[in-house]
């Protein structure tokens, strides 16, 4: 059964419980900014539950259990159970996408659980060298949100088949750095260790400690790339230049320059596409 993670500061759930710490206010601000942007674009937040329910029933008929569906999609039982029992007329579009992305067919083989330590460390190590969950998910075949749940250590057990797949993917992807500055930044912030901190004899051992990890100090170009990615992310949600500068601790003129470059690049891309 998929359990819901505890409420933490920096989440909108914490804001909705009455917390007004800056990080919780920011989480609510980000959510409302996305909501307003979706409204302006006419993007629906919820969709008809019938096709999703039909898909779930097809998965169940193919031999899946509800717990397996929860693990594969990252959708919790509190969401899946009412949806399955026809207790809701619509469902969030993100939830619908996760469930509909699960192909109809027999469930994965290997239903024995195993300790999650090695899987957690491998996912964290890949993130530390710049591989996003989305990039990893394309190779593993598990939804990126479900990978995120594992990487954060929210599970102490994973399926043997999942552990085997992640191990194989790790051997391949750990040979080269990824392109996600955001993944590297978040991994460094969370104190995650890269591949050089582990070897084949220690990475699966819960009692093993990481070796002295590769230096996490970022050079000027790497820091600039992270800042640029952060500005692009916030600007994409319609956050003002002034607010971006405040959140990131940057000068407004610097933010304006980055936004100008980003939009100029978008115009060039559109011009090339039209040519």
C-alpha atoms as a PDB file:
ATOM      1  CA  UNK A   1       0.000   0.000   0.000  1.00  0.00           C
ATOM      2  CA  UNK A   2       1.320   3.451  -0.925  1.00  0.00           C
ATOM      3  CA  UNK A   3       1.454   5.726   2.123  1.00  0.00           C
ATOM      4  CA  UNK A   4       1.243   9.477   2.022  1.00  0.00           C
ATOM      5  CA  UNK A   5       4.410  11.264   3.074  1.00  0.00           C
ATOM      6  CA  UNK A   6       4.238  13.421   6.229  1.00  0.00           C
ATOM      7  CA  UNK A   7       3.494  17.105   5.747  1.00  0.00           C
ATOM      8  CA  UNK A   8       6.711  19.132   5.662  1.00  0.00           C
ATOM      9  CA  UNK A   9       7.587  22.809   5.563  1.00  0.00           C
ATOM     10  CA  UNK A  10       7.954  24.030   1.989  1.00  0.00           C
ATOM     11  CA  UNK A  11       4.815  22.211   0.837  1.00  0.00           C
ATOM     12  CA  UNK A  12       1.426  23.737   0.088  1.00  0.00           C
ATOM     13  CA  UNK A  13      -0.128  21.099   2.332  1.00  0.00           C
ATOM     14  CA  UNK A  14       1.680  22.743   5.241  1.00  0.00           C
ATOM     15  CA  UNK A  15       0.355  26.163   4.189  1.00  0.00           C
ATOM     16  CA  UNK A  16      -3.191  24.779   4.065  1.00  0.00           C
ATOM     17  CA  UNK A  17      -2.751  23.636   7.660  1.00  0.00           C
ATOM     18  CA  UNK A  18      -2.129  27.226   8.687  1.00  0.00           C
ATOM     19  CA  UNK A  19       1.668  27.482   8.551  1.00  0.00           C
ATOM     20  CA  UNK A  20       2.926  30.862   7.337  1.00  0.00           C
ATOM     21  CA  UNK A  21       6.668  30.279   7.232  1.00  0.00           C
ATOM     22  CA  UNK A  22       8.279  31.857   4.125  1.00  0.00           C
ATOM     23  CA  UNK A  23       8.911  28.502   2.438  1.00  0.00           C
ATOM     24  CA  UNK A  24       5.266  27.472   2.901  1.00  0.00           C
ATOM     25  CA  UNK A  25       4.051  30.845   1.632  1.00  0.00           C
ATOM     26  CA  UNK A  26       6.278  30.338  -1.425  1.00  0.00           C
ATOM     27  CA  UNK A  27       4.834  26.865  -2.003  1.00  0.00           C
ATOM     28  CA  UNK A  28       1.315  28.280  -1.991  1.00  0.00           C
ATOM     29  CA  UNK A  29       2.414  31.161  -4.246  1.00  0.00           C
ATOM     30  CA  UNK A  30       3.878  28.722  -6.778  1.00  0.00           C
ATOM     31  CA  UNK A  31       0.706  26.643  -6.756  1.00  0.00           C
ATOM     32  CA  UNK A  32      -1.550  29.655  -7.222  1.00  0.00           C
ATOM     33  CA  UNK A  33       0.705  31.014  -9.995  1.00  0.00           C
ATOM     34  CA  UNK A  34       0.390  27.736 -11.889  1.00  0.00           C
ATOM     35  CA  UNK A  35      -3.356  27.697 -11.244  1.00  0.00           C
ATOM     36  CA  UNK A  36      -3.772  31.231 -12.643  1.00  0.00           C
ATOM     37  CA  UNK A  37      -1.605  30.372 -15.640  1.00  0.00           C
ATOM     38  CA  UNK A  38      -3.675  27.258 -16.357  1.00  0.00           C
ATOM     39  CA  UNK A  39      -6.840  29.328 -16.073  1.00  0.00           C
ATOM     40  CA  UNK A  40      -5.507  31.956 -18.492  1.00  0.00           C
ATOM     41  CA  UNK A  41      -4.525  29.251 -20.978  1.00  0.00           C
ATOM     42  CA  UNK A  42      -7.810  27.435 -20.603  1.00  0.00           C
ATOM     43  CA  UNK A  43      -6.019  24.329 -19.326  1.00  0.00           C
ATOM     44  CA  UNK A  44      -8.332  22.052 -17.349  1.00  0.00           C
ATOM     45  CA  UNK A  45      -7.078  20.826 -13.993  1.00  0.00           C
ATOM     46  CA  UNK A  46      -9.536  17.939 -13.809  1.00  0.00           C
ATOM     47  CA  UNK A  47     -10.881  15.484 -16.359  1.00  0.00           C
ATOM     48  CA  UNK A  48     -13.592  12.842 -16.689  1.00  0.00           C
ATOM     49  CA  UNK A  49     -12.860   9.856 -14.441  1.00  0.00           C
ATOM     50  CA  UNK A  50     -14.667   7.268 -16.597  1.00  0.00           C
ATOM     51  CA  UNK A  51     -11.806   6.500 -19.049  1.00  0.00           C
ATOM     52  CA  UNK A  52      -9.355   6.325 -16.153  1.00  0.00           C
ATOM     53  CA  UNK A  53     -11.615   3.975 -14.188  1.00  0.00           C
ATOM     54  CA  UNK A  54     -12.023   1.772 -17.261  1.00  0.00           C
ATOM     55  CA  UNK A  55      -8.233   1.645 -17.646  1.00  0.00           C
ATOM     56  CA  UNK A  56      -7.817   0.633 -14.000  1.00  0.00           C
ATOM     57  CA  UNK A  57     -10.352  -2.168 -14.449  1.00  0.00           C
ATOM     58  CA  UNK A  58      -8.487  -3.389 -17.535  1.00  0.00           C
ATOM     59  CA  UNK A  59      -5.273  -3.507 -15.510  1.00  0.00           C
ATOM     60  CA  UNK A  60      -7.023  -5.452 -12.751  1.00  0.00           C
ATOM     61  CA  UNK A  61      -8.434  -7.874 -15.334  1.00  0.00           C
ATOM     62  CA  UNK A  62      -4.901  -8.348 -16.686  1.00  0.00           C
ATOM     63  CA  UNK A  63      -3.711  -9.525 -13.275  1.00  0.00           C
ATOM     64  CA  UNK A  64      -2.541  -6.334 -11.585  1.00  0.00           C
ATOM     65  CA  UNK A  65      -3.380  -5.715  -7.934  1.00  0.00           C
ATOM     66  CA  UNK A  66      -4.284  -2.276  -6.646  1.00  0.00           C
ATOM     67  CA  UNK A  67      -1.045  -2.196  -4.646  1.00  0.00           C
ATOM     68  CA  UNK A  68       0.965  -2.905  -7.802  1.00  0.00           C
ATOM     69  CA  UNK A  69      -0.782  -0.077  -9.642  1.00  0.00           C
ATOM     70  CA  UNK A  70      -0.058   2.267  -6.736  1.00  0.00           C
ATOM     71  CA  UNK A  71       3.627   1.346  -6.728  1.00  0.00           C
ATOM     72  CA  UNK A  72       4.013   1.660 -10.496  1.00  0.00           C
ATOM     73  CA  UNK A  73       2.301   5.058 -10.754  1.00  0.00           C
ATOM     74  CA  UNK A  74       2.939   6.732  -7.410  1.00  0.00           C
ATOM     75  CA  UNK A  75      -0.829   7.258  -6.983  1.00  0.00           C
ATOM     76  CA  UNK A  76      -1.840   6.671  -3.361  1.00  0.00           C
ATOM     77  CA  UNK A  77      -4.611   4.360  -2.188  1.00  0.00           C
ATOM     78  CA  UNK A  78      -6.643   7.311  -0.889  1.00  0.00           C
ATOM     79  CA  UNK A  79      -6.882   8.532  -4.476  1.00  0.00           C
ATOM     80  CA  UNK A  80      -7.064   5.194  -6.251  1.00  0.00           C
ATOM     81  CA  UNK A  81      -9.669   3.473  -4.062  1.00  0.00           C
ATOM     82  CA  UNK A  82     -12.464   6.077  -4.488  1.00  0.00           C
ATOM     83  CA  UNK A  83     -11.654   6.302  -8.199  1.00  0.00           C
ATOM     84  CA  UNK A  84     -11.870   2.552  -8.580  1.00  0.00           C
ATOM     85  CA  UNK A  85     -15.136   2.360  -6.605  1.00  0.00           C
ATOM     86  CA  UNK A  86     -16.889   4.942  -8.792  1.00  0.00           C
ATOM     87  CA  UNK A  87     -17.029   7.471  -5.957  1.00  0.00           C
ATOM     88  CA  UNK A  88     -15.779  10.407  -8.017  1.00  0.00           C
ATOM     89  CA  UNK A  89     -16.907  11.906 -11.316  1.00  0.00           C
ATOM     90  CA  UNK A  90     -13.613  13.539 -12.230  1.00  0.00           C
ATOM     91  CA  UNK A  91      -9.936  13.213 -11.460  1.00  0.00           C
ATOM     92  CA  UNK A  92      -6.894  15.486 -11.524  1.00  0.00           C
ATOM     93  CA  UNK A  93      -5.249  15.502 -14.950  1.00  0.00           C
ATOM     94  CA  UNK A  94      -1.846  14.593 -13.472  1.00  0.00           C
ATOM     95  CA  UNK A  95      -3.329  11.520 -11.786  1.00  0.00           C
ATOM     96  CA  UNK A  96      -5.105  10.578 -15.010  1.00  0.00           C
ATOM     97  CA  UNK A  97      -1.865  10.825 -17.010  1.00  0.00           C
ATOM     98  CA  UNK A  98       0.010   8.614 -14.543  1.00  0.00           C
ATOM     99  CA  UNK A  99      -2.632   5.890 -14.599  1.00  0.00           C
ATOM    100  CA  UNK A 100      -3.296   5.971 -18.336  1.00  0.00           C
ATOM    101  CA  UNK A 101       0.449   5.751 -19.023  1.00  0.00           C
ATOM    102  CA  UNK A 102       0.534   2.282 -17.453  1.00  0.00           C
ATOM    103  CA  UNK A 103       0.240  -0.187 -20.374  1.00  0.00           C
ATOM    104  CA  UNK A 104      -2.389  -2.916 -20.328  1.00  0.00           C
ATOM    105  CA  UNK A 105      -0.771  -6.312 -19.854  1.00  0.00           C
ATOM    106  CA  UNK A 106       0.505  -8.667 -17.159  1.00  0.00           C
ATOM    107  CA  UNK A 107       2.097  -7.031 -14.097  1.00  0.00           C
ATOM    108  CA  UNK A 108       5.892  -7.064 -13.734  1.00  0.00           C
ATOM    109  CA  UNK A 109       7.404 -10.352 -12.645  1.00  0.00           C
ATOM    110  CA  UNK A 110       9.215 -10.766  -9.349  1.00  0.00           C
ATOM    111  CA  UNK A 111       6.822  -9.876  -6.573  1.00  0.00           C
ATOM    112  CA  UNK A 112       9.228 -10.373  -3.673  1.00  0.00           C
ATOM    113  CA  UNK A 113      10.218  -7.277  -1.722  1.00  0.00           C
ATOM    114  CA  UNK A 114      13.829  -6.441  -0.938  1.00  0.00           C
ATOM    115  CA  UNK A 115      15.627  -3.778   1.073  1.00  0.00           C
ATOM    116  CA  UNK A 116      15.474  -0.437  -0.736  1.00  0.00           C
ATOM    117  CA  UNK A 117      18.875   0.881   0.395  1.00  0.00           C
ATOM    118  CA  UNK A 118      20.769   0.128  -2.815  1.00  0.00           C
ATOM    119  CA  UNK A 119      17.966   1.373  -5.044  1.00  0.00           C
ATOM    120  CA  UNK A 120      17.696   4.610  -3.059  1.00  0.00           C
ATOM    121  CA  UNK A 121      21.442   5.225  -3.227  1.00  0.00           C
ATOM    122  CA  UNK A 122      21.614   4.516  -6.957  1.00  0.00           C
ATOM    123  CA  UNK A 123      18.786   6.935  -7.752  1.00  0.00           C
ATOM    124  CA  UNK A 124      20.301   9.589  -5.503  1.00  0.00           C
ATOM    125  CA  UNK A 125      23.724   9.106  -7.101  1.00  0.00           C
ATOM    126  CA  UNK A 126      22.306   9.524 -10.604  1.00  0.00           C
ATOM    127  CA  UNK A 127      20.526  12.707  -9.514  1.00  0.00           C
ATOM    128  CA  UNK A 128      23.784  13.977  -7.992  1.00  0.00           C
ATOM    129  CA  UNK A 129      25.490  13.830 -11.395  1.00  0.00           C
ATOM    130  CA  UNK A 130      22.657  15.548 -13.223  1.00  0.00           C
ATOM    131  CA  UNK A 131      20.203  12.854 -14.293  1.00  0.00           C
ATOM    132  CA  UNK A 132      16.573  13.893 -13.821  1.00  0.00           C
ATOM    133  CA  UNK A 133      13.885  11.469 -12.651  1.00  0.00           C
ATOM    134  CA  UNK A 134      12.240  11.847 -16.058  1.00  0.00           C
ATOM    135  CA  UNK A 135      15.436  10.744 -17.823  1.00  0.00           C
ATOM    136  CA  UNK A 136      15.892   7.793 -15.466  1.00  0.00           C
ATOM    137  CA  UNK A 137      12.223   6.814 -15.801  1.00  0.00           C
ATOM    138  CA  UNK A 138      12.574   6.430 -19.568  1.00  0.00           C
ATOM    139  CA  UNK A 139      15.055   3.608 -18.963  1.00  0.00           C
ATOM    140  CA  UNK A 140      13.529   2.066 -15.838  1.00  0.00           C
ATOM    141  CA  UNK A 141       9.925   2.005 -17.037  1.00  0.00           C
ATOM    142  CA  UNK A 142       8.506   3.399 -13.789  1.00  0.00           C
ATOM    143  CA  UNK A 143       6.817   6.797 -13.517  1.00  0.00           C
ATOM    144  CA  UNK A 144       9.205   9.582 -12.523  1.00  0.00           C
ATOM    145  CA  UNK A 145       7.074  10.480  -9.492  1.00  0.00           C
ATOM    146  CA  UNK A 146       7.310   6.898  -8.230  1.00  0.00           C
ATOM    147  CA  UNK A 147      11.101   7.072  -8.644  1.00  0.00           C
ATOM    148  CA  UNK A 148      11.114  10.306  -6.662  1.00  0.00           C
ATOM    149  CA  UNK A 149       9.254   8.615  -3.805  1.00  0.00           C
ATOM    150  CA  UNK A 150      11.920   5.892  -3.697  1.00  0.00           C
ATOM    151  CA  UNK A 151      14.862   8.309  -4.006  1.00  0.00           C
ATOM    152  CA  UNK A 152      13.613  10.396  -1.080  1.00  0.00           C
ATOM    153  CA  UNK A 153      13.701   7.306   1.113  1.00  0.00           C
ATOM    154  CA  UNK A 154       9.944   7.171   1.646  1.00  0.00           C
ATOM    155  CA  UNK A 155      10.024   3.380   1.216  1.00  0.00           C
ATOM    156  CA  UNK A 156      12.133   0.851   3.081  1.00  0.00           C
ATOM    157  CA  UNK A 157      11.266  -1.942   0.632  1.00  0.00           C
ATOM    158  CA  UNK A 158      11.049  -2.161  -3.159  1.00  0.00           C
ATOM    159  CA  UNK A 159      10.179  -5.004  -5.505  1.00  0.00           C
ATOM    160  CA  UNK A 160      13.084  -7.256  -6.466  1.00  0.00           C
ATOM    161  CA  UNK A 161      12.381  -6.565 -10.134  1.00  0.00           C
ATOM    162  CA  UNK A 162      12.531  -2.812  -9.524  1.00  0.00           C
ATOM    163  CA  UNK A 163      15.855  -3.162  -7.714  1.00  0.00           C
ATOM    164  CA  UNK A 164      17.284  -5.237 -10.582  1.00  0.00           C
ATOM    165  CA  UNK A 165      16.178  -2.772 -13.254  1.00  0.00           C
ATOM    166  CA  UNK A 166      17.519   0.245 -11.352  1.00  0.00           C
ATOM    167  CA  UNK A 167      20.828  -1.574 -10.836  1.00  0.00           C
ATOM    168  CA  UNK A 168      21.164  -2.255 -14.563  1.00  0.00           C
ATOM    169  CA  UNK A 169      20.198   1.291 -15.522  1.00  0.00           C
ATOM    170  CA  UNK A 170      22.595   2.694 -12.929  1.00  0.00           C
ATOM    171  CA  UNK A 171      25.540   0.799 -14.425  1.00  0.00           C
ATOM    172  CA  UNK A 172      24.843   2.461 -17.755  1.00  0.00           C
ATOM    173  CA  UNK A 173      23.821   5.979 -16.693  1.00  0.00           C
ATOM    174  CA  UNK A 174      26.467   6.445 -13.989  1.00  0.00           C
ATOM    175  CA  UNK A 175      29.184   6.420 -16.649  1.00  0.00           C
ATOM    176  CA  UNK A 176      28.289   9.917 -17.840  1.00  0.00           C
ATOM    177  CA  UNK A 177      26.913  13.072 -16.253  1.00  0.00           C
ATOM    178  CA  UNK A 178      23.371  14.164 -17.019  1.00  0.00           C
ATOM    179  CA  UNK A 179      22.233  17.562 -18.263  1.00  0.00           C
ATOM    180  CA  UNK A 180      19.916  18.597 -15.419  1.00  0.00           C
ATOM    181  CA  UNK A 181      21.435  21.399 -13.355  1.00  0.00           C
ATOM    182  CA  UNK A 182      18.336  21.354 -11.172  1.00  0.00           C
ATOM    183  CA  UNK A 183      18.863  17.676 -10.286  1.00  0.00           C
ATOM    184  CA  UNK A 184      22.485  18.346  -9.317  1.00  0.00           C
ATOM    185  CA  UNK A 185      21.490  21.359  -7.247  1.00  0.00           C
ATOM    186  CA  UNK A 186      18.705  19.540  -5.393  1.00  0.00           C
ATOM    187  CA  UNK A 187      20.909  16.505  -4.755  1.00  0.00           C
ATOM    188  CA  UNK A 188      23.665  18.705  -3.327  1.00  0.00           C
ATOM    189  CA  UNK A 189      21.131  20.552  -1.164  1.00  0.00           C
ATOM    190  CA  UNK A 190      19.844  17.245   0.221  1.00  0.00           C
ATOM    191  CA  UNK A 191      23.345  15.892   0.843  1.00  0.00           C
ATOM    192  CA  UNK A 192      23.058  13.022  -1.625  1.00  0.00           C
ATOM    193  CA  UNK A 193      26.236  11.260  -2.719  1.00  0.00           C
ATOM    194  CA  UNK A 194      27.369  10.585  -6.271  1.00  0.00           C
ATOM    195  CA  UNK A 195      28.600   7.296  -7.779  1.00  0.00           C
ATOM    196  CA  UNK A 196      32.187   7.798  -6.559  1.00  0.00           C
ATOM    197  CA  UNK A 197      30.999   7.500  -2.957  1.00  0.00           C
ATOM    198  CA  UNK A 198      29.998   3.846  -3.427  1.00  0.00           C
ATOM    199  CA  UNK A 199      31.307   0.620  -4.913  1.00  0.00           C
ATOM    200  CA  UNK A 200      29.591  -2.675  -5.688  1.00  0.00           C
ATOM    201  CA  UNK A 201      30.347  -4.040  -2.211  1.00  0.00           C
ATOM    202  CA  UNK A 202      28.941  -1.102  -0.226  1.00  0.00           C
ATOM    203  CA  UNK A 203      26.083   0.450  -2.164  1.00  0.00           C
ATOM    204  CA  UNK A 204      23.558  -2.227  -1.102  1.00  0.00           C
ATOM    205  CA  UNK A 205      24.807  -2.475   2.498  1.00  0.00           C
ATOM    206  CA  UNK A 206      22.592  -0.449   4.888  1.00  0.00           C
ATOM    207  CA  UNK A 207      25.445  -0.258   7.431  1.00  0.00           C
ATOM    208  CA  UNK A 208      28.019   1.031   4.924  1.00  0.00           C
ATOM    209  CA  UNK A 209      29.047   4.673   4.958  1.00  0.00           C
ATOM    210  CA  UNK A 210      29.868   6.642   1.800  1.00  0.00           C
ATOM    211  CA  UNK A 211      33.477   7.229   0.900  1.00  0.00           C
ATOM    212  CA  UNK A 212      34.687  10.813   0.647  1.00  0.00           C
ATOM    213  CA  UNK A 213      32.449  11.945  -2.182  1.00  0.00           C
ATOM    214  CA  UNK A 214      33.463  13.869  -5.244  1.00  0.00           C
ATOM    215  CA  UNK A 215      33.699  17.612  -4.601  1.00  0.00           C
ATOM    216  CA  UNK A 216      30.316  19.322  -4.668  1.00  0.00           C
ATOM    217  CA  UNK A 217      31.714  22.819  -5.146  1.00  0.00           C
ATOM    218  CA  UNK A 218      30.277  24.270  -8.318  1.00  0.00           C
ATOM    219  CA  UNK A 219      32.286  26.550 -10.557  1.00  0.00           C
ATOM    220  CA  UNK A 220      31.033  29.889 -11.816  1.00  0.00           C
ATOM    221  CA  UNK A 221      29.594  28.490 -15.051  1.00  0.00           C
ATOM    222  CA  UNK A 222      27.753  25.702 -13.215  1.00  0.00           C
ATOM    223  CA  UNK A 223      26.269  28.146 -10.716  1.00  0.00           C
ATOM    224  CA  UNK A 224      25.205  30.411 -13.582  1.00  0.00           C
ATOM    225  CA  UNK A 225      23.534  27.468 -15.326  1.00  0.00           C
ATOM    226  CA  UNK A 226      21.598  26.606 -12.173  1.00  0.00           C
ATOM    227  CA  UNK A 227      20.497  30.213 -11.707  1.00  0.00           C
ATOM    228  CA  UNK A 228      19.445  30.410 -15.340  1.00  0.00           C
ATOM    229  CA  UNK A 229      17.425  27.189 -14.987  1.00  0.00           C
ATOM    230  CA  UNK A 230      15.735  28.553 -11.855  1.00  0.00           C
ATOM    231  CA  UNK A 231      14.853  31.826 -13.593  1.00  0.00           C
ATOM    232  CA  UNK A 232      13.508  29.950 -16.622  1.00  0.00           C
ATOM    233  CA  UNK A 233      11.410  27.711 -14.356  1.00  0.00           C
ATOM    234  CA  UNK A 234       9.826  30.622 -12.455  1.00  0.00           C
ATOM    235  CA  UNK A 235       9.374  32.768 -15.559  1.00  0.00           C
ATOM    236  CA  UNK A 236       7.576  29.863 -17.208  1.00  0.00           C
ATOM    237  CA  UNK A 237       4.948  30.045 -14.474  1.00  0.00           C
ATOM    238  CA  UNK A 238       4.445  33.770 -14.966  1.00  0.00           C
ATOM    239  CA  UNK A 239       6.328  34.909 -11.854  1.00  0.00           C
ATOM    240  CA  UNK A 240       7.353  38.565 -12.137  1.00  0.00           C
ATOM    241  CA  UNK A 241      10.965  39.671 -12.521  1.00  0.00           C
ATOM    242  CA  UNK A 242      10.820  41.390  -9.141  1.00  0.00           C
ATOM    243  CA  UNK A 243       9.535  38.269  -7.394  1.00  0.00           C
ATOM    244  CA  UNK A 244      12.099  36.028  -9.121  1.00  0.00           C
ATOM    245  CA  UNK A 245      14.891  38.356  -7.995  1.00  0.00           C
ATOM    246  CA  UNK A 246      13.579  38.306  -4.416  1.00  0.00           C
ATOM    247  CA  UNK A 247      13.292  34.523  -4.258  1.00  0.00           C
ATOM    248  CA  UNK A 248      16.673  33.786  -5.798  1.00  0.00           C
ATOM    249  CA  UNK A 249      18.553  36.652  -4.150  1.00  0.00           C
ATOM    250  CA  UNK A 250      19.568  38.120  -7.500  1.00  0.00           C
ATOM    251  CA  UNK A 251      19.644  41.648  -8.847  1.00  0.00           C
ATOM    252  CA  UNK A 252      16.551  42.555 -10.869  1.00  0.00           C
ATOM    253  CA  UNK A 253      18.760  43.699 -13.744  1.00  0.00           C
ATOM    254  CA  UNK A 254      20.390  40.257 -13.877  1.00  0.00           C
ATOM    255  CA  UNK A 255      17.014  38.515 -13.914  1.00  0.00           C
ATOM    256  CA  UNK A 256      15.755  40.881 -16.626  1.00  0.00           C
ATOM    257  CA  UNK A 257      18.799  40.064 -18.740  1.00  0.00           C
ATOM    258  CA  UNK A 258      18.276  36.314 -18.408  1.00  0.00           C
ATOM    259  CA  UNK A 259      14.553  36.577 -19.187  1.00  0.00           C
ATOM    260  CA  UNK A 260      15.329  38.723 -22.226  1.00  0.00           C
ATOM    261  CA  UNK A 261      17.821  36.125 -23.500  1.00  0.00           C
ATOM    262  CA  UNK A 262      15.345  33.294 -22.925  1.00  0.00           C
ATOM    263  CA  UNK A 263      12.567  35.031 -24.815  1.00  0.00           C
ATOM    264  CA  UNK A 264      14.903  36.009 -27.638  1.00  0.00           C
ATOM    265  CA  UNK A 265      15.864  32.348 -27.944  1.00  0.00           C
ATOM    266  CA  UNK A 266      12.189  31.346 -28.080  1.00  0.00           C
ATOM    267  CA  UNK A 267      11.583  33.844 -30.888  1.00  0.00           C
ATOM    268  CA  UNK A 268      14.536  32.447 -32.844  1.00  0.00           C
ATOM    269  CA  UNK A 269      13.217  28.916 -32.395  1.00  0.00           C
ATOM    270  CA  UNK A 270       9.777  29.956 -33.651  1.00  0.00           C
ATOM    271  CA  UNK A 271      11.324  31.722 -36.640  1.00  0.00           C
ATOM    272  CA  UNK A 272      13.311  28.605 -37.558  1.00  0.00           C
ATOM    273  CA  UNK A 273      10.216  26.446 -37.230  1.00  0.00           C
ATOM    274  CA  UNK A 274       8.248  28.772 -39.504  1.00  0.00           C
ATOM    275  CA  UNK A 275      11.018  28.897 -42.126  1.00  0.00           C
END
